[in-house]
Amino acid sequence: MTIDEIVELAKRMEQETKAIKQELYKFCWYMRGGLSFTEAYELDIGDREILGKIIEENLDTTKKTQLPFF
């Protein structure tokens, strides 16, 4: 790899890392302390996808039923 390719790869990896951390912090927030950041960090991608779907379903239900979320 050239230096430019290495720099570009490092930038992409940094962006992906930030996106994963943001997703994990959102999980922790939605779980209201039921999931620590350390526990969230240990989830594999399959578990993160499942948890994300559950959160999305619950948000949709909350919107449809007009129950308070916050």
PDB file of N, CA and C in Angstrom:
ATOM      1  N   MET A   1       0.844  -1.184   0.000  1.00  0.00           N
ATOM      2  CA  MET A   1       0.000   0.000   0.000  1.00  0.00           C
ATOM      3  C   MET A   1       0.886   1.244   0.000  1.00  0.00           C
ATOM      4  N   THR A   2       0.376   2.257  -0.628  1.00  0.00           N
ATOM      5  CA  THR A   2       1.087   3.528  -0.604  1.00  0.00           C
ATOM      6  C   THR A   2       0.754   4.259   0.691  1.00  0.00           C
ATOM      7  N   ILE A   3       1.514   5.283   0.974  1.00  0.00           N
ATOM      8  CA  ILE A   3       1.257   6.093   2.177  1.00  0.00           C
ATOM      9  C   ILE A   3      -0.138   6.697   2.101  1.00  0.00           C
ATOM     10  N   ASP A   4      -0.539   7.198   0.937  1.00  0.00           N
ATOM     11  CA  ASP A   4      -1.869   7.795   0.790  1.00  0.00           C
ATOM     12  C   ASP A   4      -2.971   6.771   1.042  1.00  0.00           C
ATOM     13  N   GLU A   5      -2.774   5.544   0.569  1.00  0.00           N
ATOM     14  CA  GLU A   5      -3.765   4.497   0.797  1.00  0.00           C
ATOM     15  C   GLU A   5      -3.851   4.134   2.279  1.00  0.00           C
ATOM     16  N   ILE A   6      -2.717   4.106   2.940  1.00  0.00           N
ATOM     17  CA  ILE A   6      -2.693   3.810   4.377  1.00  0.00           C
ATOM     18  C   ILE A   6      -3.409   4.911   5.155  1.00  0.00           C
ATOM     19  N   VAL A   7      -3.152   6.155   4.803  1.00  0.00           N
ATOM     20  CA  VAL A   7      -3.801   7.286   5.471  1.00  0.00           C
ATOM     21  C   VAL A   7      -5.309   7.227   5.245  1.00  0.00           C
ATOM     22  N   GLU A   8      -5.734   6.920   4.017  1.00  0.00           N
ATOM     23  CA  GLU A   8      -7.163   6.827   3.712  1.00  0.00           C
ATOM     24  C   GLU A   8      -7.808   5.680   4.494  1.00  0.00           C
ATOM     25  N   LEU A   9      -7.131   4.554   4.572  1.00  0.00           N
ATOM     26  CA  LEU A   9      -7.635   3.419   5.332  1.00  0.00           C
ATOM     27  C   LEU A   9      -7.764   3.771   6.812  1.00  0.00           C
ATOM     28  N   ALA A  10      -6.773   4.439   7.353  1.00  0.00           N
ATOM     29  CA  ALA A  10      -6.820   4.851   8.762  1.00  0.00           C
ATOM     30  C   ALA A  10      -7.982   5.805   9.012  1.00  0.00           C
ATOM     31  N   LYS A  11      -8.234   6.724   8.094  1.00  0.00           N
ATOM     32  CA  LYS A  11      -9.358   7.660   8.241  1.00  0.00           C
ATOM     33  C   LYS A  11     -10.691   6.915   8.216  1.00  0.00           C
ATOM     34  N   ARG A  12     -10.828   5.960   7.296  1.00  0.00           N
ATOM     35  CA  ARG A  12     -12.062   5.170   7.220  1.00  0.00           C
ATOM     36  C   ARG A  12     -12.276   4.370   8.501  1.00  0.00           C
ATOM     37  N   MET A  13     -11.203   3.777   9.003  1.00  0.00           N
ATOM     38  CA  MET A  13     -11.313   2.996  10.226  1.00  0.00           C
ATOM     39  C   MET A  13     -11.679   3.880  11.413  1.00  0.00           C
ATOM     40  N   GLU A  14     -11.153   5.081  11.465  1.00  0.00           N
ATOM     41  CA  GLU A  14     -11.496   6.015  12.539  1.00  0.00           C
ATOM     42  C   GLU A  14     -12.969   6.391  12.466  1.00  0.00           C
ATOM     43  N   GLN A  15     -13.488   6.628  11.259  1.00  0.00           N
ATOM     44  CA  GLN A  15     -14.903   6.961  11.092  1.00  0.00           C
ATOM     45  C   GLN A  15     -15.785   5.788  11.518  1.00  0.00           C
ATOM     46  N   GLU A  16     -15.382   4.571  11.143  1.00  0.00           N
ATOM     47  CA  GLU A  16     -16.152   3.384  11.523  1.00  0.00           C
ATOM     48  C   GLU A  16     -16.144   3.194  13.036  1.00  0.00           C
ATOM     49  N   THR A  17     -15.016   3.441  13.654  1.00  0.00           N
ATOM     50  CA  THR A  17     -14.910   3.330  15.114  1.00  0.00           C
ATOM     51  C   THR A  17     -15.834   4.325  15.798  1.00  0.00           C
ATOM     52  N   LYS A  18     -15.860   5.546  15.313  1.00  0.00           N
ATOM     53  CA  LYS A  18     -16.740   6.567  15.891  1.00  0.00           C
ATOM     54  C   LYS A  18     -18.202   6.180  15.717  1.00  0.00           C
ATOM     55  N   ALA A  19     -18.554   5.628  14.554  1.00  0.00           N
ATOM     56  CA  ALA A  19     -19.940   5.226  14.301  1.00  0.00           C
ATOM     57  C   ALA A  19     -20.355   4.097  15.247  1.00  0.00           C
ATOM     58  N   ILE A  20     -19.463   3.144  15.470  1.00  0.00           N
ATOM     59  CA  ILE A  20     -19.759   2.044  16.388  1.00  0.00           C
ATOM     60  C   ILE A  20     -19.936   2.573  17.804  1.00  0.00           C
ATOM     61  N   LYS A  21     -19.038   3.448  18.234  1.00  0.00           N
ATOM     62  CA  LYS A  21     -19.152   4.015  19.584  1.00  0.00           C
ATOM     63  C   LYS A  21     -20.451   4.788  19.742  1.00  0.00           C
ATOM     64  N   GLN A  22     -20.841   5.550  18.728  1.00  0.00           N
ATOM     65  CA  GLN A  22     -22.095   6.297  18.802  1.00  0.00           C
ATOM     66  C   GLN A  22     -23.273   5.340  18.942  1.00  0.00           C
ATOM     67  N   GLU A  23     -23.259   4.258  18.168  1.00  0.00           N
ATOM     68  CA  GLU A  23     -24.325   3.263  18.266  1.00  0.00           C
ATOM     69  C   GLU A  23     -24.373   2.666  19.672  1.00  0.00           C
ATOM     70  N   LEU A  24     -23.215   2.352  20.230  1.00  0.00           N
ATOM     71  CA  LEU A  24     -23.167   1.745  21.554  1.00  0.00           C
ATOM     72  C   LEU A  24     -23.655   2.705  22.633  1.00  0.00           C
ATOM     73  N   TYR A  25     -23.274   3.979  22.537  1.00  0.00           N
ATOM     74  CA  TYR A  25     -23.755   4.961  23.509  1.00  0.00           C
ATOM     75  C   TYR A  25     -25.271   5.129  23.406  1.00  0.00           C
ATOM     76  N   LYS A  26     -25.811   5.075  22.191  1.00  0.00           N
ATOM     77  CA  LYS A  26     -27.268   5.145  22.027  1.00  0.00           C
ATOM     78  C   LYS A  26     -27.935   3.955  22.698  1.00  0.00           C
ATOM     79  N   PHE A  27     -27.363   2.758  22.508  1.00  0.00           N
ATOM     80  CA  PHE A  27     -27.922   1.578  23.169  1.00  0.00           C
ATOM     81  C   PHE A  27     -27.966   1.784  24.678  1.00  0.00           C
ATOM     82  N   CYS A  28     -26.881   2.268  25.238  1.00  0.00           N
ATOM     83  CA  CYS A  28     -26.818   2.499  26.685  1.00  0.00           C
ATOM     84  C   CYS A  28     -27.870   3.515  27.119  1.00  0.00           C
ATOM     85  N   TRP A  29     -28.044   4.564  26.332  1.00  0.00           N
ATOM     86  CA  TRP A  29     -29.029   5.584  26.674  1.00  0.00           C
ATOM     87  C   TRP A  29     -30.437   5.001  26.628  1.00  0.00           C
ATOM     88  N   TYR A  30     -30.758   4.267  25.555  1.00  0.00           N
ATOM     89  CA  TYR A  30     -32.089   3.679  25.446  1.00  0.00           C
ATOM     90  C   TYR A  30     -32.359   2.661  26.544  1.00  0.00           C
ATOM     91  N   MET A  31     -31.338   1.984  27.005  1.00  0.00           N
ATOM     92  CA  MET A  31     -31.496   0.971  28.044  1.00  0.00           C
ATOM     93  C   MET A  31     -31.562   1.590  29.440  1.00  0.00           C
ATOM     94  N   ARG A  32     -31.346   2.896  29.534  1.00  0.00           N
ATOM     95  CA  ARG A  32     -31.470   3.633  30.797  1.00  0.00           C
ATOM     96  C   ARG A  32     -30.672   2.989  31.938  1.00  0.00           C
ATOM     97  N   GLY A  33     -29.433   2.633  31.641  1.00  0.00           N
ATOM     98  CA  GLY A  33     -28.574   2.060  32.669  1.00  0.00           C
ATOM     99  C   GLY A  33     -28.638   0.545  32.753  1.00  0.00           C
ATOM    100  N   GLY A  34     -29.490  -0.077  31.971  1.00  0.00           N
ATOM    101  CA  GLY A  34     -29.589  -1.534  31.975  1.00  0.00           C
ATOM    102  C   GLY A  34     -28.457  -2.201  31.219  1.00  0.00           C
ATOM    103  N   LEU A  35     -27.687  -1.391  30.503  1.00  0.00           N
ATOM    104  CA  LEU A  35     -26.557  -1.886  29.728  1.00  0.00           C
ATOM    105  C   LEU A  35     -25.433  -0.873  29.865  1.00  0.00           C
ATOM    106  N   SER A  36     -24.315  -1.317  30.401  1.00  0.00           N
ATOM    107  CA  SER A  36     -23.178  -0.405  30.537  1.00  0.00           C
ATOM    108  C   SER A  36     -22.441  -0.306  29.201  1.00  0.00           C
ATOM    109  N   PHE A  37     -21.621   0.727  29.066  1.00  0.00           N
ATOM    110  CA  PHE A  37     -20.853   0.874  27.836  1.00  0.00           C
ATOM    111  C   PHE A  37     -19.905  -0.300  27.654  1.00  0.00           C
ATOM    112  N   THR A  38     -19.323  -0.783  28.731  1.00  0.00           N
ATOM    113  CA  THR A  38     -18.417  -1.932  28.653  1.00  0.00           C
ATOM    114  C   THR A  38     -19.165  -3.169  28.146  1.00  0.00           C
ATOM    115  N   GLU A  39     -20.368  -3.376  28.666  1.00  0.00           N
ATOM    116  CA  GLU A  39     -21.179  -4.511  28.206  1.00  0.00           C
ATOM    117  C   GLU A  39     -21.571  -4.339  26.746  1.00  0.00           C
ATOM    118  N   ALA A  40     -21.942  -3.131  26.375  1.00  0.00           N
ATOM    119  CA  ALA A  40     -22.315  -2.861  24.987  1.00  0.00           C
ATOM    120  C   ALA A  40     -21.134  -3.098  24.051  1.00  0.00           C
ATOM    121  N   TYR A  41     -19.951  -2.726  24.498  1.00  0.00           N
ATOM    122  CA  TYR A  41     -18.743  -2.882  23.691  1.00  0.00           C
ATOM    123  C   TYR A  41     -18.421  -4.349  23.439  1.00  0.00           C
ATOM    124  N   GLU A  42     -18.866  -5.221  24.337  1.00  0.00           N
ATOM    125  CA  GLU A  42     -18.605  -6.648  24.200  1.00  0.00           C
ATOM    126  C   GLU A  42     -19.623  -7.357  23.304  1.00  0.00           C
ATOM    127  N   LEU A  43     -20.679  -6.664  22.867  1.00  0.00           N
ATOM    128  CA  LEU A  43     -21.674  -7.270  21.988  1.00  0.00           C
ATOM    129  C   LEU A  43     -21.067  -7.512  20.604  1.00  0.00           C
ATOM    130  N   ASP A  44     -21.429  -8.646  20.005  1.00  0.00           N
ATOM    131  CA  ASP A  44     -20.974  -8.856  18.630  1.00  0.00           C
ATOM    132  C   ASP A  44     -21.956  -8.174  17.676  1.00  0.00           C
ATOM    133  N   ILE A  45     -21.609  -8.147  16.408  1.00  0.00           N
ATOM    134  CA  ILE A  45     -22.420  -7.400  15.439  1.00  0.00           C
ATOM    135  C   ILE A  45     -23.844  -7.949  15.354  1.00  0.00           C
ATOM    136  N   GLY A  46     -24.000  -9.257  15.468  1.00  0.00           N
ATOM    137  CA  GLY A  46     -25.341  -9.844  15.430  1.00  0.00           C
ATOM    138  C   GLY A  46     -26.208  -9.381  16.584  1.00  0.00           C
ATOM    139  N   ASP A  47     -25.622  -9.356  17.774  1.00  0.00           N
ATOM    140  CA  ASP A  47     -26.360  -8.881  18.945  1.00  0.00           C
ATOM    141  C   ASP A  47     -26.697  -7.402  18.815  1.00  0.00           C
ATOM    142  N   ARG A  48     -25.775  -6.608  18.257  1.00  0.00           N
ATOM    143  CA  ARG A  48     -26.046  -5.179  18.074  1.00  0.00           C
ATOM    144  C   ARG A  48     -27.187  -4.969  17.090  1.00  0.00           C
ATOM    145  N   GLU A  49     -27.240  -5.782  16.047  1.00  0.00           N
ATOM    146  CA  GLU A  49     -28.336  -5.679  15.078  1.00  0.00           C
ATOM    147  C   GLU A  49     -29.668  -6.021  15.731  1.00  0.00           C
ATOM    148  N   ILE A  50     -29.682  -7.085  16.527  1.00  0.00           N
ATOM    149  CA  ILE A  50     -30.915  -7.487  17.221  1.00  0.00           C
ATOM    150  C   ILE A  50     -31.366  -6.397  18.186  1.00  0.00           C
ATOM    151  N   LEU A  51     -30.444  -5.883  18.979  1.00  0.00           N
ATOM    152  CA  LEU A  51     -30.779  -4.834  19.942  1.00  0.00           C
ATOM    153  C   LEU A  51     -31.287  -3.584  19.222  1.00  0.00           C
ATOM    154  N   GLY A  52     -30.655  -3.235  18.112  1.00  0.00           N
ATOM    155  CA  GLY A  52     -31.096  -2.076  17.330  1.00  0.00           C
ATOM    156  C   GLY A  52     -32.515  -2.253  16.811  1.00  0.00           C
ATOM    157  N   LYS A  53     -32.858  -3.453  16.355  1.00  0.00           N
ATOM    158  CA  LYS A  53     -34.212  -3.723  15.865  1.00  0.00           C
ATOM    159  C   LYS A  53     -35.237  -3.636  16.997  1.00  0.00           C
ATOM    160  N   ILE A  54     -34.873  -4.168  18.158  1.00  0.00           N
ATOM    161  CA  ILE A  54     -35.785  -4.106  19.310  1.00  0.00           C
ATOM    162  C   ILE A  54     -36.041  -2.658  19.704  1.00  0.00           C
ATOM    163  N   ILE A  55     -34.998  -1.860  19.751  1.00  0.00           N
ATOM    164  CA  ILE A  55     -35.151  -0.439  20.094  1.00  0.00           C
ATOM    165  C   ILE A  55     -36.033   0.255  19.067  1.00  0.00           C
ATOM    166  N   GLU A  56     -35.789  -0.013  17.787  1.00  0.00           N
ATOM    167  CA  GLU A  56     -36.589   0.608  16.721  1.00  0.00           C
ATOM    168  C   GLU A  56     -38.057   0.208  16.835  1.00  0.00           C
ATOM    169  N   GLU A  57     -38.314  -1.061  17.098  1.00  0.00           N
ATOM    170  CA  GLU A  57     -39.695  -1.524  17.272  1.00  0.00           C
ATOM    171  C   GLU A  57     -40.363  -0.824  18.452  1.00  0.00           C
ATOM    172  N   ASN A  58     -39.640  -0.694  19.556  1.00  0.00           N
ATOM    173  CA  ASN A  58     -40.200  -0.023  20.731  1.00  0.00           C
ATOM    174  C   ASN A  58     -40.464   1.452  20.463  1.00  0.00           C
ATOM    175  N   LEU A  59     -39.580   2.102  19.710  1.00  0.00           N
ATOM    176  CA  LEU A  59     -39.816   3.505  19.351  1.00  0.00           C
ATOM    177  C   LEU A  59     -41.048   3.640  18.473  1.00  0.00           C
ATOM    178  N   ASP A  60     -41.200   2.728  17.519  1.00  0.00           N
ATOM    179  CA  ASP A  60     -42.386   2.756  16.654  1.00  0.00           C
ATOM    180  C   ASP A  60     -43.661   2.551  17.455  1.00  0.00           C
ATOM    181  N   THR A  61     -43.632   1.604  18.385  1.00  0.00           N
ATOM    182  CA  THR A  61     -44.802   1.350  19.230  1.00  0.00           C
ATOM    183  C   THR A  61     -45.134   2.578  20.068  1.00  0.00           C
ATOM    184  N   THR A  62     -44.106   3.214  20.607  1.00  0.00           N
ATOM    185  CA  THR A  62     -44.308   4.416  21.413  1.00  0.00           C
ATOM    186  C   THR A  62     -44.951   5.523  20.582  1.00  0.00           C
ATOM    187  N   LYS A  63     -44.487   5.685  19.356  1.00  0.00           N
ATOM    188  CA  LYS A  63     -45.064   6.714  18.476  1.00  0.00           C
ATOM    189  C   LYS A  63     -46.504   6.406  18.142  1.00  0.00           C
ATOM    190  N   LYS A  64     -46.789   5.133  17.810  1.00  0.00           N
ATOM    191  CA  LYS A  64     -48.142   4.736  17.424  1.00  0.00           C
ATOM    192  C   LYS A  64     -49.131   4.883  18.575  1.00  0.00           C
ATOM    193  N   THR A  65     -48.700   4.544  19.775  1.00  0.00           N
ATOM    194  CA  THR A  65     -49.593   4.586  20.932  1.00  0.00           C
ATOM    195  C   THR A  65     -49.591   5.968  21.600  1.00  0.00           C
ATOM    196  N   GLN A  66     -48.698   6.832  21.161  1.00  0.00           N
ATOM    197  CA  GLN A  66     -48.548   8.178  21.699  1.00  0.00           C
ATOM    198  C   GLN A  66     -48.257   8.186  23.191  1.00  0.00           C
ATOM    199  N   LEU A  67     -47.581   7.144  23.642  1.00  0.00           N
ATOM    200  CA  LEU A  67     -47.144   7.092  25.041  1.00  0.00           C
ATOM    201  C   LEU A  67     -45.898   7.966  25.184  1.00  0.00           C
ATOM    202  N   PRO A  68     -45.692   8.539  26.364  1.00  0.00           N
ATOM    203  CA  PRO A  68     -44.487   9.353  26.545  1.00  0.00           C
ATOM    204  C   PRO A  68     -43.232   8.482  26.469  1.00  0.00           C
ATOM    205  N   PHE A  69     -42.208   9.010  25.843  1.00  0.00           N
ATOM    206  CA  PHE A  69     -40.969   8.263  25.706  1.00  0.00           C
ATOM    207  C   PHE A  69     -39.922   8.762  26.693  1.00  0.00           C
ATOM    208  N   PHE A  70     -39.902  10.048  26.955  1.00  0.00           N
ATOM    209  CA  PHE A  70     -38.846  10.603  27.789  1.00  0.00           C
ATOM    210  C   PHE A  70     -39.301  10.783  29.209  1.00  0.00           C
TER     211      PHE A  70
END
